[in-house]
Amino acid sequence: MQMRHFVQVVLGLALLAGGAAAAPDSRAAQARPDTTKYEDREGWPDTHAGALAHRWVRAFGLGEKAMKECLAEIMAPASLEKTDMKVRVERYRDLHERYGKLTLAKIEKSTEEQVEATLAAEDMSEHHFIFTAQPAAPYKLVSVAIKQPGHGMPGFGH
């Protein structure tokens, strides 16, 4: 009996150390989609919008193929219907040519559904991005916009 208890304790500790989720009936575990379960957030908020924005920025730096795959996974279907992938990839090319790899400089504002972040381009210029996610499951991105200096409305839309 003691050996059985020892094995259960060791297995339990191994699961906790491995980052296993809380018990299945945990409300917090059920409220979070898989997109927020990552270890190194690199300064991004631990929210639905934060996780999606982080994935978008990471894919942006990896190239067109990675960006296209990422967009297909993280964008809301209605958003993908509104602006097709060909247009999104063209916008990506323009932005990537202009900015190069983007890096998080500062989180300006964060809620579960939206993140406003300052991203640094390779030339160290800073750009204000707004990432908006769906308010309910499946918590996909609805839009990505760049707020242009001196303008009330966001510029680029993804």
N, C-alpha and C. Protein backbone atom coordinates (compact mmCIF):
# COMPACT_ATOMS: atom_id res chain seq x y z
N MET A 1 0.81 -1.18 0.00
CA MET A 1 0.00 0.00 0.00
C MET A 1 0.86 1.26 0.00
N GLN A 2 1.95 1.27 0.77
CA GLN A 2 2.81 2.44 0.82
C GLN A 2 3.45 2.71 -0.54
N MET A 3 3.86 1.67 -1.24
CA MET A 3 4.48 1.84 -2.55
C MET A 3 3.49 2.47 -3.53
N ARG A 4 2.25 2.04 -3.47
CA ARG A 4 1.21 2.58 -4.35
C ARG A 4 1.00 4.07 -4.08
N HIS A 5 0.96 4.44 -2.79
CA HIS A 5 0.81 5.85 -2.42
C HIS A 5 2.02 6.65 -2.91
N PHE A 6 3.23 6.10 -2.75
CA PHE A 6 4.45 6.76 -3.20
C PHE A 6 4.40 7.02 -4.71
N VAL A 7 3.97 6.04 -5.49
CA VAL A 7 3.88 6.18 -6.94
C VAL A 7 2.87 7.27 -7.30
N GLN A 8 1.74 7.31 -6.60
CA GLN A 8 0.74 8.34 -6.87
C GLN A 8 1.29 9.73 -6.58
N VAL A 9 2.03 9.86 -5.49
CA VAL A 9 2.61 11.15 -5.13
C VAL A 9 3.65 11.57 -6.16
N VAL A 10 4.52 10.65 -6.56
CA VAL A 10 5.55 10.95 -7.55
C VAL A 10 4.91 11.34 -8.88
N LEU A 11 3.89 10.60 -9.31
CA LEU A 11 3.21 10.92 -10.56
C LEU A 11 2.53 12.29 -10.47
N GLY A 12 1.93 12.58 -9.34
CA GLY A 12 1.28 13.87 -9.15
C GLY A 12 2.27 15.02 -9.23
N LEU A 13 3.43 14.86 -8.59
CA LEU A 13 4.46 15.89 -8.64
C LEU A 13 5.02 16.04 -10.05
N ALA A 14 5.18 14.95 -10.75
CA ALA A 14 5.69 15.01 -12.13
C ALA A 14 4.71 15.78 -13.03
N LEU A 15 3.43 15.55 -12.83
CA LEU A 15 2.43 16.28 -13.63
C LEU A 15 2.46 17.76 -13.32
N LEU A 16 2.60 18.11 -12.04
CA LEU A 16 2.66 19.52 -11.68
C LEU A 16 3.91 20.17 -12.24
N ALA A 17 5.03 19.51 -12.14
CA ALA A 17 6.29 20.06 -12.64
C ALA A 17 6.26 20.21 -14.16
N GLY A 18 5.51 19.34 -14.82
CA GLY A 18 5.41 19.40 -16.28
C GLY A 18 4.44 20.43 -16.78
N GLY A 19 3.79 21.18 -15.89
CA GLY A 19 2.90 22.24 -16.31
C GLY A 19 1.50 21.75 -16.65
N ALA A 20 1.07 20.65 -16.07
CA ALA A 20 -0.27 20.14 -16.35
C ALA A 20 -1.31 21.13 -15.85
N ALA A 21 -2.44 21.14 -16.50
CA ALA A 21 -3.52 22.06 -16.14
C ALA A 21 -4.15 21.63 -14.83
N ALA A 22 -4.90 22.53 -14.24
CA ALA A 22 -5.60 22.24 -13.01
C ALA A 22 -6.65 21.16 -13.26
N ALA A 23 -7.28 20.73 -12.20
CA ALA A 23 -8.30 19.69 -12.31
C ALA A 23 -9.31 20.06 -13.38
N PRO A 24 -9.87 19.06 -14.09
CA PRO A 24 -10.79 19.34 -15.20
C PRO A 24 -11.97 20.21 -14.82
N ASP A 25 -12.39 20.17 -13.54
CA ASP A 25 -13.55 20.96 -13.16
C ASP A 25 -13.16 22.39 -12.77
N SER A 26 -11.91 22.74 -12.89
CA SER A 26 -11.46 24.08 -12.55
C SER A 26 -12.01 25.09 -13.56
N ARG A 27 -12.68 26.12 -13.07
CA ARG A 27 -13.25 27.14 -13.96
C ARG A 27 -12.15 27.88 -14.71
N ALA A 28 -11.04 28.14 -14.06
CA ALA A 28 -9.94 28.86 -14.72
C ALA A 28 -9.40 28.05 -15.89
N ALA A 29 -9.26 26.74 -15.70
CA ALA A 29 -8.74 25.88 -16.77
C ALA A 29 -9.70 25.87 -17.95
N GLN A 30 -11.00 25.86 -17.67
CA GLN A 30 -11.98 25.83 -18.75
C GLN A 30 -12.08 27.17 -19.45
N ALA A 31 -11.79 28.26 -18.76
CA ALA A 31 -11.94 29.59 -19.35
C ALA A 31 -10.81 29.93 -20.32
N ARG A 32 -9.69 29.28 -20.22
CA ARG A 32 -8.53 29.58 -21.05
C ARG A 32 -8.44 28.65 -22.25
N PRO A 33 -8.35 29.19 -23.45
CA PRO A 33 -8.11 28.33 -24.61
C PRO A 33 -6.64 27.95 -24.66
N ASP A 34 -6.30 26.97 -25.47
CA ASP A 34 -4.92 26.53 -25.59
C ASP A 34 -3.97 27.64 -26.01
N THR A 35 -4.46 28.67 -26.71
CA THR A 35 -3.58 29.72 -27.20
C THR A 35 -2.92 30.50 -26.08
N THR A 36 -3.45 30.44 -24.85
CA THR A 36 -2.82 31.19 -23.77
C THR A 36 -1.91 30.32 -22.92
N LYS A 37 -1.80 29.06 -23.24
CA LYS A 37 -0.98 28.15 -22.44
C LYS A 37 0.40 28.01 -23.08
N TYR A 38 1.24 28.97 -22.83
CA TYR A 38 2.60 28.91 -23.31
C TYR A 38 3.49 29.43 -22.21
N GLU A 39 4.72 28.97 -22.19
CA GLU A 39 5.59 29.27 -21.07
C GLU A 39 6.22 30.66 -21.13
N ASP A 40 6.86 31.01 -22.22
CA ASP A 40 7.57 32.28 -22.30
C ASP A 40 6.73 33.30 -23.06
N ARG A 41 6.06 34.16 -22.31
CA ARG A 41 5.19 35.15 -22.94
C ARG A 41 5.96 36.34 -23.47
N GLU A 42 7.24 36.44 -23.17
CA GLU A 42 8.10 37.53 -23.67
C GLU A 42 7.49 38.91 -23.40
N GLY A 43 6.84 39.05 -22.25
CA GLY A 43 6.26 40.34 -21.87
C GLY A 43 4.81 40.53 -22.29
N TRP A 44 4.26 39.59 -23.06
CA TRP A 44 2.86 39.71 -23.50
C TRP A 44 1.94 39.33 -22.35
N PRO A 45 0.77 39.97 -22.25
CA PRO A 45 -0.18 39.66 -21.17
C PRO A 45 -0.69 38.22 -21.27
N ASP A 46 -1.00 37.65 -20.13
CA ASP A 46 -1.54 36.29 -20.07
C ASP A 46 -3.06 36.37 -20.24
N THR A 47 -3.46 36.76 -21.45
CA THR A 47 -4.87 36.87 -21.81
C THR A 47 -5.05 36.24 -23.18
N HIS A 48 -6.29 36.07 -23.59
CA HIS A 48 -6.55 35.54 -24.93
C HIS A 48 -5.91 36.44 -25.99
N ALA A 49 -6.18 37.72 -25.89
CA ALA A 49 -5.64 38.67 -26.87
C ALA A 49 -4.12 38.71 -26.80
N GLY A 50 -3.56 38.65 -25.61
CA GLY A 50 -2.11 38.67 -25.45
C GLY A 50 -1.43 37.48 -26.11
N ALA A 51 -2.00 36.31 -25.92
CA ALA A 51 -1.43 35.10 -26.52
C ALA A 51 -1.52 35.15 -28.04
N LEU A 52 -2.64 35.62 -28.56
CA LEU A 52 -2.81 35.70 -30.01
C LEU A 52 -1.89 36.76 -30.62
N ALA A 53 -1.77 37.90 -29.95
CA ALA A 53 -0.86 38.95 -30.43
C ALA A 53 0.58 38.45 -30.43
N HIS A 54 0.95 37.75 -29.40
CA HIS A 54 2.30 37.18 -29.32
C HIS A 54 2.56 36.24 -30.49
N ARG A 55 1.60 35.38 -30.78
CA ARG A 55 1.75 34.45 -31.91
C ARG A 55 1.86 35.22 -33.23
N TRP A 56 1.05 36.26 -33.39
CA TRP A 56 1.08 37.06 -34.62
C TRP A 56 2.46 37.70 -34.80
N VAL A 57 2.98 38.32 -33.76
CA VAL A 57 4.28 39.00 -33.84
C VAL A 57 5.40 38.00 -34.09
N ARG A 58 5.34 36.87 -33.43
CA ARG A 58 6.37 35.84 -33.64
C ARG A 58 6.35 35.35 -35.09
N ALA A 59 5.16 35.08 -35.63
CA ALA A 59 5.04 34.63 -37.02
C ALA A 59 5.49 35.71 -37.99
N PHE A 60 5.21 36.96 -37.67
CA PHE A 60 5.60 38.09 -38.51
C PHE A 60 7.11 38.06 -38.77
N GLY A 61 7.88 37.74 -37.76
CA GLY A 61 9.33 37.70 -37.89
C GLY A 61 9.87 36.46 -38.57
N LEU A 62 9.07 35.42 -38.68
CA LEU A 62 9.54 34.15 -39.24
C LEU A 62 9.40 34.05 -40.76
N GLY A 63 8.63 34.94 -41.35
CA GLY A 63 8.50 34.92 -42.80
C GLY A 63 7.09 34.66 -43.28
N GLU A 64 6.92 34.79 -44.59
CA GLU A 64 5.59 34.72 -45.21
C GLU A 64 4.87 33.41 -44.96
N LYS A 65 5.56 32.30 -45.11
CA LYS A 65 4.91 30.99 -44.90
C LYS A 65 4.39 30.86 -43.47
N ALA A 66 5.23 31.22 -42.50
CA ALA A 66 4.83 31.15 -41.09
C ALA A 66 3.67 32.09 -40.81
N MET A 67 3.71 33.27 -41.40
CA MET A 67 2.65 34.25 -41.18
C MET A 67 1.33 33.75 -41.75
N LYS A 68 1.37 33.20 -42.95
CA LYS A 68 0.16 32.69 -43.58
C LYS A 68 -0.44 31.55 -42.74
N GLU A 69 0.38 30.65 -42.27
CA GLU A 69 -0.09 29.54 -41.44
C GLU A 69 -0.68 30.06 -40.13
N CYS A 70 0.00 31.03 -39.54
CA CYS A 70 -0.48 31.61 -38.29
C CYS A 70 -1.83 32.29 -38.48
N LEU A 71 -1.95 33.09 -39.53
CA LEU A 71 -3.22 33.78 -39.78
C LEU A 71 -4.36 32.79 -39.96
N ALA A 72 -4.10 31.70 -40.66
CA ALA A 72 -5.14 30.68 -40.87
C ALA A 72 -5.59 30.07 -39.55
N GLU A 73 -4.69 29.99 -38.59
CA GLU A 73 -5.01 29.38 -37.29
C GLU A 73 -5.65 30.35 -36.31
N ILE A 74 -5.19 31.59 -36.28
CA ILE A 74 -5.60 32.48 -35.19
C ILE A 74 -6.65 33.52 -35.56
N MET A 75 -6.93 33.71 -36.84
CA MET A 75 -7.92 34.71 -37.22
C MET A 75 -9.33 34.13 -37.19
N ALA A 76 -10.28 34.93 -36.76
CA ALA A 76 -11.68 34.51 -36.73
C ALA A 76 -12.17 34.25 -38.15
N PRO A 77 -12.98 33.22 -38.35
CA PRO A 77 -13.48 32.90 -39.69
C PRO A 77 -14.17 34.09 -40.36
N ALA A 78 -14.96 34.85 -39.63
CA ALA A 78 -15.64 36.00 -40.22
C ALA A 78 -14.63 37.04 -40.71
N SER A 79 -13.55 37.20 -39.98
CA SER A 79 -12.51 38.14 -40.37
C SER A 79 -11.80 37.66 -41.63
N LEU A 80 -11.55 36.35 -41.72
CA LEU A 80 -10.92 35.78 -42.90
C LEU A 80 -11.83 35.88 -44.13
N GLU A 81 -13.14 35.81 -43.91
CA GLU A 81 -14.08 35.96 -45.02
C GLU A 81 -14.10 37.41 -45.51
N LYS A 82 -13.99 38.34 -44.57
CA LYS A 82 -14.05 39.77 -44.91
C LYS A 82 -12.82 40.19 -45.72
N THR A 83 -11.65 39.73 -45.31
CA THR A 83 -10.41 40.05 -46.02
C THR A 83 -9.69 38.74 -46.31
N ASP A 84 -9.63 38.37 -47.58
CA ASP A 84 -9.08 37.05 -47.90
C ASP A 84 -7.57 36.97 -47.66
N MET A 85 -7.05 35.76 -47.67
CA MET A 85 -5.67 35.50 -47.34
C MET A 85 -4.70 36.18 -48.31
N LYS A 86 -5.06 36.25 -49.59
CA LYS A 86 -4.18 36.88 -50.57
C LYS A 86 -3.91 38.34 -50.20
N VAL A 87 -4.95 39.06 -49.83
CA VAL A 87 -4.82 40.46 -49.44
C VAL A 87 -4.01 40.57 -48.15
N ARG A 88 -4.25 39.66 -47.21
CA ARG A 88 -3.51 39.67 -45.95
C ARG A 88 -2.02 39.44 -46.17
N VAL A 89 -1.69 38.53 -47.06
CA VAL A 89 -0.28 38.23 -47.35
C VAL A 89 0.38 39.43 -48.04
N GLU A 90 -0.34 40.12 -48.92
CA GLU A 90 0.20 41.32 -49.56
C GLU A 90 0.47 42.41 -48.51
N ARG A 91 -0.45 42.58 -47.58
CA ARG A 91 -0.26 43.56 -46.50
C ARG A 91 0.95 43.17 -45.65
N TYR A 92 1.05 41.88 -45.37
CA TYR A 92 2.19 41.38 -44.59
C TYR A 92 3.50 41.73 -45.30
N ARG A 93 3.58 41.43 -46.60
CA ARG A 93 4.81 41.72 -47.36
C ARG A 93 5.20 43.19 -47.25
N ASP A 94 4.21 44.08 -47.43
CA ASP A 94 4.47 45.51 -47.34
C ASP A 94 5.00 45.89 -45.96
N LEU A 95 4.33 45.41 -44.93
CA LEU A 95 4.74 45.72 -43.57
C LEU A 95 6.11 45.13 -43.25
N HIS A 96 6.33 43.90 -43.65
CA HIS A 96 7.61 43.25 -43.34
C HIS A 96 8.75 43.96 -44.06
N GLU A 97 8.50 44.40 -45.28
CA GLU A 97 9.53 45.14 -46.02
C GLU A 97 9.84 46.46 -45.32
N ARG A 98 8.81 47.09 -44.79
CA ARG A 98 8.97 48.39 -44.13
C ARG A 98 9.60 48.26 -42.74
N TYR A 99 9.16 47.25 -41.95
CA TYR A 99 9.57 47.15 -40.55
C TYR A 99 10.60 46.06 -40.25
N GLY A 100 10.65 45.03 -41.06
CA GLY A 100 11.50 43.88 -40.72
C GLY A 100 10.87 43.13 -39.56
N LYS A 101 11.67 42.54 -38.73
CA LYS A 101 11.16 41.81 -37.57
C LYS A 101 10.65 42.80 -36.52
N LEU A 102 9.50 42.48 -35.93
CA LEU A 102 8.92 43.32 -34.88
C LEU A 102 9.20 42.71 -33.51
N THR A 103 9.40 43.59 -32.53
CA THR A 103 9.66 43.15 -31.16
C THR A 103 8.79 43.96 -30.21
N LEU A 104 8.27 43.30 -29.19
CA LEU A 104 7.46 44.01 -28.21
C LEU A 104 8.32 45.02 -27.45
N ALA A 105 7.90 46.28 -27.48
CA ALA A 105 8.60 47.33 -26.73
C ALA A 105 7.84 47.63 -25.44
N LYS A 106 6.48 47.69 -25.54
CA LYS A 106 5.70 48.07 -24.37
C LYS A 106 4.23 47.69 -24.57
N ILE A 107 3.61 47.23 -23.51
CA ILE A 107 2.16 47.01 -23.52
C ILE A 107 1.53 48.31 -23.03
N GLU A 108 0.70 48.90 -23.86
CA GLU A 108 0.06 50.17 -23.52
C GLU A 108 -1.23 49.95 -22.72
N LYS A 109 -1.98 48.95 -23.16
CA LYS A 109 -3.29 48.68 -22.55
C LYS A 109 -3.62 47.21 -22.81
N SER A 110 -4.24 46.56 -21.83
CA SER A 110 -4.56 45.15 -22.01
C SER A 110 -5.85 44.77 -21.31
N THR A 111 -6.71 44.08 -22.05
CA THR A 111 -7.89 43.44 -21.48
C THR A 111 -7.90 42.02 -22.04
N GLU A 112 -8.84 41.23 -21.62
CA GLU A 112 -8.92 39.86 -22.12
C GLU A 112 -9.12 39.84 -23.63
N GLU A 113 -9.81 40.85 -24.15
CA GLU A 113 -10.17 40.87 -25.57
C GLU A 113 -9.31 41.78 -26.44
N GLN A 114 -8.51 42.65 -25.83
CA GLN A 114 -7.74 43.57 -26.66
C GLN A 114 -6.40 43.91 -26.01
N VAL A 115 -5.39 44.02 -26.86
CA VAL A 115 -4.07 44.44 -26.42
C VAL A 115 -3.61 45.57 -27.33
N GLU A 116 -3.21 46.66 -26.72
CA GLU A 116 -2.58 47.75 -27.44
C GLU A 116 -1.12 47.71 -27.06
N ALA A 117 -0.26 47.57 -28.06
CA ALA A 117 1.16 47.39 -27.81
C ALA A 117 2.00 48.26 -28.72
N THR A 118 3.12 48.71 -28.19
CA THR A 118 4.11 49.39 -29.00
C THR A 118 5.12 48.34 -29.43
N LEU A 119 5.29 48.21 -30.75
CA LEU A 119 6.24 47.25 -31.30
C LEU A 119 7.39 48.01 -31.94
N ALA A 120 8.59 47.52 -31.72
CA ALA A 120 9.78 48.13 -32.31
C ALA A 120 10.14 47.40 -33.60
N ALA A 121 10.39 48.17 -34.65
CA ALA A 121 10.85 47.62 -35.92
C ALA A 121 12.36 47.40 -35.83
N GLU A 122 12.92 46.78 -36.86
CA GLU A 122 14.36 46.54 -36.86
C GLU A 122 15.17 47.83 -36.80
N ASP A 123 14.63 48.92 -37.35
CA ASP A 123 15.35 50.20 -37.31
C ASP A 123 15.10 50.95 -36.00
N MET A 124 14.45 50.29 -35.04
CA MET A 124 14.13 50.79 -33.71
C MET A 124 13.02 51.84 -33.71
N SER A 125 12.37 52.06 -34.85
CA SER A 125 11.20 52.93 -34.85
C SER A 125 10.08 52.18 -34.13
N GLU A 126 9.20 52.93 -33.47
CA GLU A 126 8.12 52.30 -32.70
C GLU A 126 6.78 52.52 -33.38
N HIS A 127 5.92 51.49 -33.28
CA HIS A 127 4.62 51.51 -33.94
C HIS A 127 3.58 50.94 -32.99
N HIS A 128 2.43 51.59 -32.93
CA HIS A 128 1.37 51.22 -32.01
C HIS A 128 0.39 50.27 -32.70
N PHE A 129 0.31 49.03 -32.21
CA PHE A 129 -0.57 48.01 -32.78
C PHE A 129 -1.72 47.73 -31.82
N ILE A 130 -2.87 47.41 -32.37
CA ILE A 130 -4.05 47.05 -31.59
C ILE A 130 -4.51 45.67 -32.06
N PHE A 131 -4.50 44.71 -31.15
CA PHE A 131 -4.93 43.34 -31.43
C PHE A 131 -6.25 43.12 -30.71
N THR A 132 -7.28 42.73 -31.46
CA THR A 132 -8.60 42.52 -30.88
C THR A 132 -9.04 41.08 -31.10
N ALA A 133 -9.43 40.42 -30.01
CA ALA A 133 -9.85 39.01 -30.06
C ALA A 133 -11.35 38.91 -29.81
N GLN A 134 -11.89 37.77 -30.20
CA GLN A 134 -13.31 37.49 -29.92
C GLN A 134 -13.52 37.45 -28.41
N PRO A 135 -14.69 37.90 -27.93
CA PRO A 135 -14.95 37.92 -26.50
C PRO A 135 -15.33 36.54 -25.92
N ALA A 136 -15.57 35.57 -26.78
CA ALA A 136 -15.95 34.24 -26.32
C ALA A 136 -15.25 33.18 -27.17
N ALA A 137 -15.31 31.96 -26.71
CA ALA A 137 -14.67 30.85 -27.42
C ALA A 137 -15.13 30.85 -28.87
N PRO A 138 -14.26 30.63 -29.80
CA PRO A 138 -12.92 30.07 -29.68
C PRO A 138 -11.80 31.10 -29.52
N TYR A 139 -12.12 32.35 -29.19
CA TYR A 139 -11.12 33.38 -28.88
C TYR A 139 -10.10 33.58 -30.00
N LYS A 140 -10.58 33.77 -31.19
CA LYS A 140 -9.71 34.04 -32.34
C LYS A 140 -9.52 35.56 -32.49
N LEU A 141 -8.51 35.95 -33.26
CA LEU A 141 -8.30 37.37 -33.52
C LEU A 141 -9.35 37.88 -34.50
N VAL A 142 -9.91 39.01 -34.18
CA VAL A 142 -10.88 39.67 -35.06
C VAL A 142 -10.15 40.66 -35.95
N SER A 143 -9.17 41.35 -35.37
CA SER A 143 -8.43 42.34 -36.16
C SER A 143 -7.06 42.63 -35.57
N VAL A 144 -6.19 43.12 -36.44
CA VAL A 144 -4.89 43.67 -36.07
C VAL A 144 -4.80 45.00 -36.80
N ALA A 145 -4.53 46.06 -36.07
CA ALA A 145 -4.47 47.38 -36.69
C ALA A 145 -3.26 48.14 -36.19
N ILE A 146 -2.78 49.05 -37.00
CA ILE A 146 -1.71 49.95 -36.60
C ILE A 146 -2.33 51.33 -36.45
N LYS A 147 -2.15 51.92 -35.29
CA LYS A 147 -2.65 53.27 -35.04
C LYS A 147 -1.58 54.24 -35.51
N GLN A 148 -1.92 55.02 -36.51
CA GLN A 148 -0.98 55.96 -37.09
C GLN A 148 -0.88 57.21 -36.21
N PRO A 149 0.32 57.72 -36.00
CA PRO A 149 0.49 58.94 -35.19
C PRO A 149 -0.32 60.11 -35.77
N GLY A 150 -1.02 60.82 -34.89
CA GLY A 150 -1.78 61.99 -35.34
C GLY A 150 -3.12 61.65 -35.96
N HIS A 151 -3.48 60.37 -36.02
CA HIS A 151 -4.75 59.96 -36.60
C HIS A 151 -5.59 59.32 -35.49
N GLY A 152 -6.86 59.59 -35.46
CA GLY A 152 -7.75 58.97 -34.48
C GLY A 152 -8.07 57.52 -34.80
N MET A 153 -8.10 57.21 -36.08
CA MET A 153 -8.48 55.85 -36.50
C MET A 153 -7.25 55.03 -36.80
N PRO A 154 -7.31 53.72 -36.55
CA PRO A 154 -6.20 52.86 -36.90
C PRO A 154 -5.96 52.86 -38.41
N GLY A 155 -4.71 52.60 -38.79
CA GLY A 155 -4.35 52.54 -40.20
C GLY A 155 -4.50 51.14 -40.74
N PHE A 156 -3.39 50.47 -40.93
CA PHE A 156 -3.36 49.11 -41.46
C PHE A 156 -4.34 48.23 -40.72
N GLY A 157 -5.00 47.34 -41.44
CA GLY A 157 -5.88 46.37 -40.81
C GLY A 157 -5.54 44.99 -41.30
N HIS A 158 -5.60 44.03 -40.43
CA HIS A 158 -5.29 42.63 -40.79
C HIS A 158 -6.43 41.75 -40.42
